PDB file of N, CA and C in Angstrom:
ATOM      1  N   UNK A   1      19.153 -23.629  -6.117  1.00  0.00           N
ATOM      2  CA  UNK A   1      19.480 -22.277  -6.520  1.00  0.00           C
ATOM      3  C   UNK A   1      19.288 -21.327  -5.342  1.00  0.00           C
ATOM      4  N   UNK A   2      20.234 -20.481  -5.101  1.00  0.00           N
ATOM      5  CA  UNK A   2      20.060 -19.482  -4.041  1.00  0.00           C
ATOM      6  C   UNK A   2      18.973 -18.473  -4.418  1.00  0.00           C
ATOM      7  N   UNK A   3      18.251 -18.024  -3.414  1.00  0.00           N
ATOM      8  CA  UNK A   3      17.189 -17.041  -3.612  1.00  0.00           C
ATOM      9  C   UNK A   3      17.328 -15.975  -2.543  1.00  0.00           C
ATOM     10  N   UNK A   4      17.166 -14.742  -2.930  1.00  0.00           N
ATOM     11  CA  UNK A   4      17.185 -13.628  -1.985  1.00  0.00           C
ATOM     12  C   UNK A   4      15.775 -13.056  -1.914  1.00  0.00           C
ATOM     13  N   UNK A   5      15.235 -13.004  -0.719  1.00  0.00           N
ATOM     14  CA  UNK A   5      13.913 -12.410  -0.526  1.00  0.00           C
ATOM     15  C   UNK A   5      14.083 -11.174   0.337  1.00  0.00           C
ATOM     16  N   UNK A   6      13.709 -10.035  -0.205  1.00  0.00           N
ATOM     17  CA  UNK A   6      13.769  -8.792   0.545  1.00  0.00           C
ATOM     18  C   UNK A   6      12.365  -8.493   1.054  1.00  0.00           C
ATOM     19  N   UNK A   7      12.247  -8.224   2.324  1.00  0.00           N
ATOM     20  CA  UNK A   7      10.941  -7.917   2.887  1.00  0.00           C
ATOM     21  C   UNK A   7      10.985  -6.610   3.656  1.00  0.00           C
ATOM     22  N   UNK A   8       9.844  -5.994   3.748  1.00  0.00           N
ATOM     23  CA  UNK A   8       9.704  -4.765   4.519  1.00  0.00           C
ATOM     24  C   UNK A   8       8.459  -4.924   5.377  1.00  0.00           C
ATOM     25  N   UNK A   9       8.572  -4.635   6.648  1.00  0.00           N
ATOM     26  CA  UNK A   9       7.430  -4.759   7.542  1.00  0.00           C
ATOM     27  C   UNK A   9       7.064  -3.402   8.126  1.00  0.00           C
ATOM     28  N   UNK A  10       5.841  -3.321   8.586  1.00  0.00           N
ATOM     29  CA  UNK A  10       5.363  -2.108   9.234  1.00  0.00           C
ATOM     30  C   UNK A  10       4.401  -2.531  10.321  1.00  0.00           C
ATOM     31  N   UNK A  11       4.673  -2.145  11.532  1.00  0.00           N
ATOM     32  CA  UNK A  11       3.804  -2.486  12.651  1.00  0.00           C
ATOM     33  C   UNK A  11       2.632  -1.518  12.659  1.00  0.00           C
ATOM     34  N   UNK A  12       1.472  -2.004  12.254  1.00  0.00           N
ATOM     35  CA  UNK A  12       0.291  -1.152  12.156  1.00  0.00           C
ATOM     36  C   UNK A  12      -0.358  -0.916  13.516  1.00  0.00           C
ATOM     37  N   UNK A  13      -0.115  -1.812  14.446  1.00  0.00           N
ATOM     38  CA  UNK A  13      -0.732  -1.678  15.765  1.00  0.00           C
ATOM     39  C   UNK A  13       0.227  -1.107  16.787  1.00  0.00           C
ATOM     40  N   UNK A  14      -0.242  -1.062  17.999  1.00  0.00           N
ATOM     41  CA  UNK A  14       0.569  -0.571  19.108  1.00  0.00           C
ATOM     42  C   UNK A  14       1.495  -1.686  19.594  1.00  0.00           C
ATOM     43  N   UNK A  15       2.527  -1.304  20.332  1.00  0.00           N
ATOM     44  CA  UNK A  15       3.433  -2.303  20.912  1.00  0.00           C
ATOM     45  C   UNK A  15       2.715  -3.128  21.974  1.00  0.00           C
ATOM     46  N   UNK A  16       1.879  -2.466  22.748  1.00  0.00           N
ATOM     47  CA  UNK A  16       1.169  -3.139  23.839  1.00  0.00           C
ATOM     48  C   UNK A  16      -0.090  -2.338  24.155  1.00  0.00           C
ATOM     49  N   UNK A  17      -0.854  -2.807  25.118  1.00  0.00           N
ATOM     50  CA  UNK A  17      -2.080  -2.086  25.493  1.00  0.00           C
ATOM     51  C   UNK A  17      -1.768  -0.757  26.154  1.00  0.00           C
ATOM     52  N   UNK A  18      -0.554  -0.591  26.664  1.00  0.00           N
ATOM     53  CA  UNK A  18      -0.205   0.676  27.306  1.00  0.00           C
ATOM     54  C   UNK A  18       0.441   1.662  26.324  1.00  0.00           C
ATOM     55  N   UNK A  19       0.611   1.245  25.081  1.00  0.00           N
ATOM     56  CA  UNK A  19       1.266   2.077  24.074  1.00  0.00           C
ATOM     57  C   UNK A  19       0.228   2.711  23.165  1.00  0.00           C
ATOM     58  N   UNK A  20       0.441   3.968  22.836  1.00  0.00           N
ATOM     59  CA  UNK A  20      -0.382   4.641  21.839  1.00  0.00           C
ATOM     60  C   UNK A  20       0.559   5.129  20.741  1.00  0.00           C
ATOM     61  N   UNK A  21       0.648   4.342  19.672  1.00  0.00           N
ATOM     62  CA  UNK A  21       1.623   4.667  18.625  1.00  0.00           C
ATOM     63  C   UNK A  21       1.299   5.952  17.878  1.00  0.00           C
ATOM     64  N   UNK A  22       0.088   6.475  18.021  1.00  0.00           N
ATOM     65  CA  UNK A  22      -0.227   7.748  17.357  1.00  0.00           C
ATOM     66  C   UNK A  22       0.462   8.920  18.042  1.00  0.00           C
ATOM     67  N   UNK A  23       1.117   8.671  19.176  1.00  0.00           N
ATOM     68  CA  UNK A  23       1.905   9.737  19.811  1.00  0.00           C
ATOM     69  C   UNK A  23       3.166  10.026  19.010  1.00  0.00           C
ATOM     70  N   UNK A  24       3.677   9.032  18.293  1.00  0.00           N
ATOM     71  CA  UNK A  24       4.930   9.229  17.561  1.00  0.00           C
ATOM     72  C   UNK A  24       4.802   8.995  16.065  1.00  0.00           C
ATOM     73  N   UNK A  25       3.584   8.776  15.578  1.00  0.00           N
ATOM     74  CA  UNK A  25       3.320   8.730  14.136  1.00  0.00           C
ATOM     75  C   UNK A  25       1.840   9.024  13.924  1.00  0.00           C
ATOM     76  N   UNK A  26       1.553   9.646  12.819  1.00  0.00           N
ATOM     77  CA  UNK A  26       0.185  10.063  12.559  1.00  0.00           C
ATOM     78  C   UNK A  26      -0.739   8.909  12.192  1.00  0.00           C
ATOM     79  N   UNK A  27      -1.996   9.045  12.542  1.00  0.00           N
ATOM     80  CA  UNK A  27      -2.999   8.035  12.192  1.00  0.00           C
ATOM     81  C   UNK A  27      -3.118   7.908  10.676  1.00  0.00           C
ATOM     82  N   UNK A  28      -2.912   9.016   9.959  1.00  0.00           N
ATOM     83  CA  UNK A  28      -2.976   8.972   8.495  1.00  0.00           C
ATOM     84  C   UNK A  28      -1.825   8.150   7.907  1.00  0.00           C
ATOM     85  N   UNK A  29      -0.660   8.193   8.559  1.00  0.00           N
ATOM     86  CA  UNK A  29       0.465   7.368   8.108  1.00  0.00           C
ATOM     87  C   UNK A  29       0.131   5.882   8.273  1.00  0.00           C
ATOM     88  N   UNK A  30      -0.437   5.520   9.406  1.00  0.00           N
ATOM     89  CA  UNK A  30      -0.813   4.132   9.664  1.00  0.00           C
ATOM     90  C   UNK A  30      -1.836   3.672   8.636  1.00  0.00           C
ATOM     91  N   UNK A  31      -2.849   4.503   8.394  1.00  0.00           N
ATOM     92  CA  UNK A  31      -3.897   4.153   7.432  1.00  0.00           C
ATOM     93  C   UNK A  31      -3.322   3.992   6.033  1.00  0.00           C
ATOM     94  N   UNK A  32      -2.396   4.866   5.647  1.00  0.00           N
ATOM     95  CA  UNK A  32      -1.777   4.772   4.322  1.00  0.00           C
ATOM     96  C   UNK A  32      -1.059   3.435   4.160  1.00  0.00           C
ATOM     97  N   UNK A  33      -0.304   3.036   5.164  1.00  0.00           N
ATOM     98  CA  UNK A  33       0.401   1.755   5.099  1.00  0.00           C
ATOM     99  C   UNK A  33      -0.583   0.597   5.017  1.00  0.00           C
ATOM    100  N   UNK A  34      -1.652   0.659   5.808  1.00  0.00           N
ATOM    101  CA  UNK A  34      -2.643  -0.417   5.786  1.00  0.00           C
ATOM    102  C   UNK A  34      -3.339  -0.498   4.431  1.00  0.00           C
ATOM    103  N   UNK A  35      -3.636   0.639   3.841  1.00  0.00           N
ATOM    104  CA  UNK A  35      -4.345   0.659   2.557  1.00  0.00           C
ATOM    105  C   UNK A  35      -3.448   0.284   1.381  1.00  0.00           C
ATOM    106  N   UNK A  36      -2.215   0.791   1.383  1.00  0.00           N
ATOM    107  CA  UNK A  36      -1.348   0.630   0.210  1.00  0.00           C
ATOM    108  C   UNK A  36      -0.429  -0.590   0.268  1.00  0.00           C
ATOM    109  N   UNK A  37      -0.063  -1.015   1.473  1.00  0.00           N
ATOM    110  CA  UNK A  37       0.985  -2.033   1.562  1.00  0.00           C
ATOM    111  C   UNK A  37       0.591  -3.296   2.335  1.00  0.00           C
ATOM    112  N   UNK A  38      -0.661  -3.418   2.722  1.00  0.00           N
ATOM    113  CA  UNK A  38      -1.082  -4.606   3.463  1.00  0.00           C
ATOM    114  C   UNK A  38      -0.817  -5.842   2.611  1.00  0.00           C
ATOM    115  N   UNK A  39       0.015  -6.790   3.098  1.00  0.00           N
ATOM    116  CA  UNK A  39       0.380  -7.939   2.262  1.00  0.00           C
ATOM    117  C   UNK A  39      -0.799  -8.847   1.911  1.00  0.00           C
ATOM    118  N   UNK A  40      -1.772  -8.946   2.797  1.00  0.00           N
ATOM    119  CA  UNK A  40      -2.941  -9.785   2.505  1.00  0.00           C
ATOM    120  C   UNK A  40      -3.755  -9.164   1.370  1.00  0.00           C
ATOM    121  N   UNK A  41      -3.990  -7.866   1.466  1.00  0.00           N
ATOM    122  CA  UNK A  41      -4.739  -7.182   0.400  1.00  0.00           C
ATOM    123  C   UNK A  41      -3.987  -7.251  -0.929  1.00  0.00           C
ATOM    124  N   UNK A  42      -2.678  -7.070  -0.866  1.00  0.00           N
ATOM    125  CA  UNK A  42      -1.883  -7.096  -2.097  1.00  0.00           C
ATOM    126  C   UNK A  42      -1.910  -8.472  -2.743  1.00  0.00           C
ATOM    127  N   UNK A  43      -1.803  -9.518  -1.922  1.00  0.00           N
ATOM    128  CA  UNK A  43      -1.821 -10.876  -2.465  1.00  0.00           C
ATOM    129  C   UNK A  43      -3.197 -11.206  -3.034  1.00  0.00           C
ATOM    130  N   UNK A  44      -4.257 -10.754  -2.354  1.00  0.00           N
ATOM    131  CA  UNK A  44      -5.615 -10.958  -2.860  1.00  0.00           C
ATOM    132  C   UNK A  44      -5.777 -10.294  -4.231  1.00  0.00           C
ATOM    133  N   UNK A  45      -5.327  -9.070  -4.347  1.00  0.00           N
ATOM    134  CA  UNK A  45      -5.410  -8.351  -5.617  1.00  0.00           C
ATOM    135  C   UNK A  45      -4.628  -9.083  -6.705  1.00  0.00           C
ATOM    136  N   UNK A  46      -3.439  -9.551  -6.362  1.00  0.00           N
ATOM    137  CA  UNK A  46      -2.599 -10.293  -7.300  1.00  0.00           C
ATOM    138  C   UNK A  46      -3.347 -11.515  -7.820  1.00  0.00           C
ATOM    139  N   UNK A  47      -3.946 -12.270  -6.917  1.00  0.00           N
ATOM    140  CA  UNK A  47      -4.659 -13.487  -7.313  1.00  0.00           C
ATOM    141  C   UNK A  47      -5.937 -13.161  -8.094  1.00  0.00           C
ATOM    142  N   UNK A  48      -6.650 -12.119  -7.691  1.00  0.00           N
ATOM    143  CA  UNK A  48      -7.877 -11.732  -8.405  1.00  0.00           C
ATOM    144  C   UNK A  48      -7.570 -11.276  -9.832  1.00  0.00           C
ATOM    145  N   UNK A  49      -6.493 -10.529  -9.992  1.00  0.00           N
ATOM    146  CA  UNK A  49      -6.120 -10.038 -11.323  1.00  0.00           C
ATOM    147  C   UNK A  49      -5.790 -11.178 -12.286  1.00  0.00           C
ATOM    148  N   UNK A  50      -5.386 -12.299 -11.761  1.00  0.00           N
ATOM    149  CA  UNK A  50      -5.053 -13.455 -12.591  1.00  0.00           C
ATOM    150  C   UNK A  50      -6.195 -14.458 -12.695  1.00  0.00           C
ATOM    151  N   UNK A  51      -7.323 -14.134 -12.054  1.00  0.00           N
ATOM    152  CA  UNK A  51      -8.481 -15.007 -12.114  1.00  0.00           C
ATOM    153  C   UNK A  51      -8.375 -16.234 -11.227  1.00  0.00           C
ATOM    154  N   UNK A  52      -7.453 -16.207 -10.254  1.00  0.00           N
ATOM    155  CA  UNK A  52      -7.241 -17.351  -9.376  1.00  0.00           C
ATOM    156  C   UNK A  52      -8.101 -17.282  -8.122  1.00  0.00           C
ATOM    157  N   UNK A  53      -8.721 -16.138  -7.851  1.00  0.00           N
ATOM    158  CA  UNK A  53      -9.471 -15.941  -6.609  1.00  0.00           C
ATOM    159  C   UNK A  53     -10.615 -14.984  -6.865  1.00  0.00           C
ATOM    160  N   UNK A  54     -11.726 -15.220  -6.176  1.00  0.00           N
ATOM    161  CA  UNK A  54     -12.855 -14.296  -6.253  1.00  0.00           C
ATOM    162  C   UNK A  54     -13.687 -14.440  -4.989  1.00  0.00           C
ATOM    163  N   UNK A  55     -14.721 -13.635  -4.875  1.00  0.00           N
ATOM    164  CA  UNK A  55     -15.550 -13.619  -3.668  1.00  0.00           C
ATOM    165  C   UNK A  55     -16.244 -14.956  -3.440  1.00  0.00           C
ATOM    166  N   UNK A  56     -16.625 -15.633  -4.504  1.00  0.00           N
ATOM    167  CA  UNK A  56     -17.293 -16.931  -4.372  1.00  0.00           C
ATOM    168  C   UNK A  56     -16.346 -17.974  -3.777  1.00  0.00           C
ATOM    169  N   UNK A  57     -15.118 -18.017  -4.280  1.00  0.00           N
ATOM    170  CA  UNK A  57     -14.132 -18.954  -3.745  1.00  0.00           C
ATOM    171  C   UNK A  57     -13.830 -18.637  -2.278  1.00  0.00           C
ATOM    172  N   UNK A  58     -13.722 -17.367  -1.968  1.00  0.00           N
ATOM    173  CA  UNK A  58     -13.431 -16.980  -0.589  1.00  0.00           C
ATOM    174  C   UNK A  58     -14.558 -17.420   0.342  1.00  0.00           C
ATOM    175  N   UNK A  59     -15.790 -17.196  -0.062  1.00  0.00           N
ATOM    176  CA  UNK A  59     -16.914 -17.587   0.781  1.00  0.00           C
ATOM    177  C   UNK A  59     -16.946 -19.094   0.978  1.00  0.00           C
ATOM    178  N   UNK A  60     -16.635 -19.834  -0.062  1.00  0.00           N
ATOM    179  CA  UNK A  60     -16.601 -21.289   0.028  1.00  0.00           C
ATOM    180  C   UNK A  60     -15.547 -21.744   1.038  1.00  0.00           C
ATOM    181  N   UNK A  61     -14.362 -21.166   0.963  1.00  0.00           N
ATOM    182  CA  UNK A  61     -13.289 -21.510   1.897  1.00  0.00           C
ATOM    183  C   UNK A  61     -13.691 -21.138   3.318  1.00  0.00           C
ATOM    184  N   UNK A  62     -14.255 -19.961   3.483  1.00  0.00           N
ATOM    185  CA  UNK A  62     -14.694 -19.528   4.816  1.00  0.00           C
ATOM    186  C   UNK A  62     -15.743 -20.474   5.388  1.00  0.00           C
ATOM    187  N   UNK A  63     -16.697 -20.873   4.564  1.00  0.00           N
ATOM    188  CA  UNK A  63     -17.757 -21.778   5.017  1.00  0.00           C
ATOM    189  C   UNK A  63     -17.188 -23.111   5.478  1.00  0.00           C
ATOM    190  N   UNK A  64     -16.288 -23.680   4.682  1.00  0.00           N
ATOM    191  CA  UNK A  64     -15.685 -24.973   5.020  1.00  0.00           C
ATOM    192  C   UNK A  64     -14.923 -24.875   6.335  1.00  0.00           C
ATOM    193  N   UNK A  65     -14.101 -23.848   6.466  1.00  0.00           N
ATOM    194  CA  UNK A  65     -13.276 -23.730   7.667  1.00  0.00           C
ATOM    195  C   UNK A  65     -14.107 -23.343   8.895  1.00  0.00           C
ATOM    196  N   UNK A  66     -15.132 -22.564   8.693  1.00  0.00           N
ATOM    197  CA  UNK A  66     -16.029 -22.234   9.817  1.00  0.00           C
ATOM    198  C   UNK A  66     -16.665 -23.505  10.354  1.00  0.00           C
ATOM    199  N   UNK A  67     -17.128 -24.367   9.449  1.00  0.00           N
ATOM    200  CA  UNK A  67     -17.739 -25.627   9.872  1.00  0.00           C
ATOM    201  C   UNK A  67     -16.720 -26.493  10.602  1.00  0.00           C
ATOM    202  N   UNK A  68     -15.506 -26.552  10.100  1.00  0.00           N
ATOM    203  CA  UNK A  68     -14.448 -27.334  10.754  1.00  0.00           C
ATOM    204  C   UNK A  68     -14.198 -26.832  12.172  1.00  0.00           C
ATOM    205  N   UNK A  69     -14.110 -25.529  12.324  1.00  0.00           N
ATOM    206  CA  UNK A  69     -13.860 -24.945  13.649  1.00  0.00           C
ATOM    207  C   UNK A  69     -15.036 -25.220  14.580  1.00  0.00           C
ATOM    208  N   UNK A  70     -16.256 -25.005  14.107  1.00  0.00           N
ATOM    209  CA  UNK A  70     -17.431 -25.241  14.950  1.00  0.00           C
ATOM    210  C   UNK A  70     -17.555 -26.708  15.344  1.00  0.00           C
ATOM    211  N   UNK A  71     -17.290 -27.626  14.408  1.00  0.00           N
ATOM    212  CA  UNK A  71     -17.321 -29.053  14.723  1.00  0.00           C
ATOM    213  C   UNK A  71     -16.258 -29.402  15.772  1.00  0.00           C
ATOM    214  N   UNK A  72     -15.073 -28.833  15.631  1.00  0.00           N
ATOM    215  CA  UNK A  72     -13.987 -29.086  16.587  1.00  0.00           C
ATOM    216  C   UNK A  72     -14.340 -28.538  17.969  1.00  0.00           C
ATOM    217  N   UNK A  73     -14.964 -27.377  18.006  1.00  0.00           N
ATOM    218  CA  UNK A  73     -15.381 -26.800  19.287  1.00  0.00           C
ATOM    219  C   UNK A  73     -16.422 -27.689  19.962  1.00  0.00           C
ATOM    220  N   UNK A  74     -17.348 -28.215  19.186  1.00  0.00           N
ATOM    221  CA  UNK A  74     -18.384 -29.082  19.735  1.00  0.00           C
ATOM    222  C   UNK A  74     -17.767 -30.335  20.362  1.00  0.00           C
ATOM    223  N   UNK A  75     -16.806 -30.934  19.674  1.00  0.00           N
ATOM    224  CA  UNK A  75     -16.114 -32.108  20.208  1.00  0.00           C
ATOM    225  C   UNK A  75     -15.370 -31.738  21.490  1.00  0.00           C
ATOM    226  N   UNK A  76     -14.666 -30.624  21.470  1.00  0.00           N
ATOM    227  CA  UNK A  76     -13.879 -30.200  22.633  1.00  0.00           C
ATOM    228  C   UNK A  76     -14.772 -29.899  23.836  1.00  0.00           C
ATOM    229  N   UNK A  77     -15.920 -29.290  23.595  1.00  0.00           N
ATOM    230  CA  UNK A  77     -16.818 -28.950  24.696  1.00  0.00           C
ATOM    231  C   UNK A  77     -17.415 -30.179  25.364  1.00  0.00           C
ATOM    232  N   UNK A  78     -17.472 -31.304  24.666  1.00  0.00           N
ATOM    233  CA  UNK A  78     -18.013 -32.540  25.231  1.00  0.00           C
ATOM    234  C   UNK A  78     -16.985 -33.313  26.046  1.00  0.00           C
ATOM    235  N   UNK A  79     -15.741 -32.966  25.921  1.00  0.00           N
ATOM    236  CA  UNK A  79     -14.686 -33.655  26.660  1.00  0.00           C
ATOM    237  C   UNK A  79     -14.717 -33.240  28.134  1.00  0.00           C
ATOM    238  N   UNK A  80     -14.253 -34.152  28.963  1.00  0.00           N
ATOM    239  CA  UNK A  80     -14.177 -33.853  30.395  1.00  0.00           C
ATOM    240  C   UNK A  80     -13.142 -32.750  30.626  1.00  0.00           C
ATOM    241  N   UNK A  81     -13.453 -31.879  31.553  1.00  0.00           N
ATOM    242  CA  UNK A  81     -12.542 -30.797  31.892  1.00  0.00           C
ATOM    243  C   UNK A  81     -11.361 -31.369  32.675  1.00  0.00           C
ATOM    244  N   UNK A  82     -10.171 -30.844  32.455  1.00  0.00           N
ATOM    245  CA  UNK A  82      -9.015 -31.375  33.181  1.00  0.00           C
ATOM    246  C   UNK A  82      -9.089 -31.005  34.674  1.00  0.00           C
ATOM    247  N   UNK A  83      -8.570 -31.856  35.476  1.00  0.00           N
ATOM    248  CA  UNK A  83      -8.463 -31.568  36.908  1.00  0.00           C
ATOM    249  C   UNK A  83      -6.992 -31.479  37.262  1.00  0.00           C
ATOM    250  N   UNK A  84      -6.659 -30.469  38.022  1.00  0.00           N
ATOM    251  CA  UNK A  84      -5.252 -30.252  38.384  1.00  0.00           C
ATOM    252  C   UNK A  84      -5.049 -30.438  39.857  1.00  0.00           C
TER     253      UNK A  84
END
């Protein structure tokens, strides 16, 4: 079945380190977009409202992935450094 997905994006940050986007848009506009339309926050709210997600589940996921990353870093740090 064909599906149409319409998306809207908003660049909340600057283009680069030499860019100051508040020169051409207000800081309050940026904050409004971050507060009202942030897709991560919206998806979290959607899942919480349906009882699919909560702070306990989030902490559990964070703990598991933090351990995975730290274990991977430990393995990587023990490897010989490449020589070029």
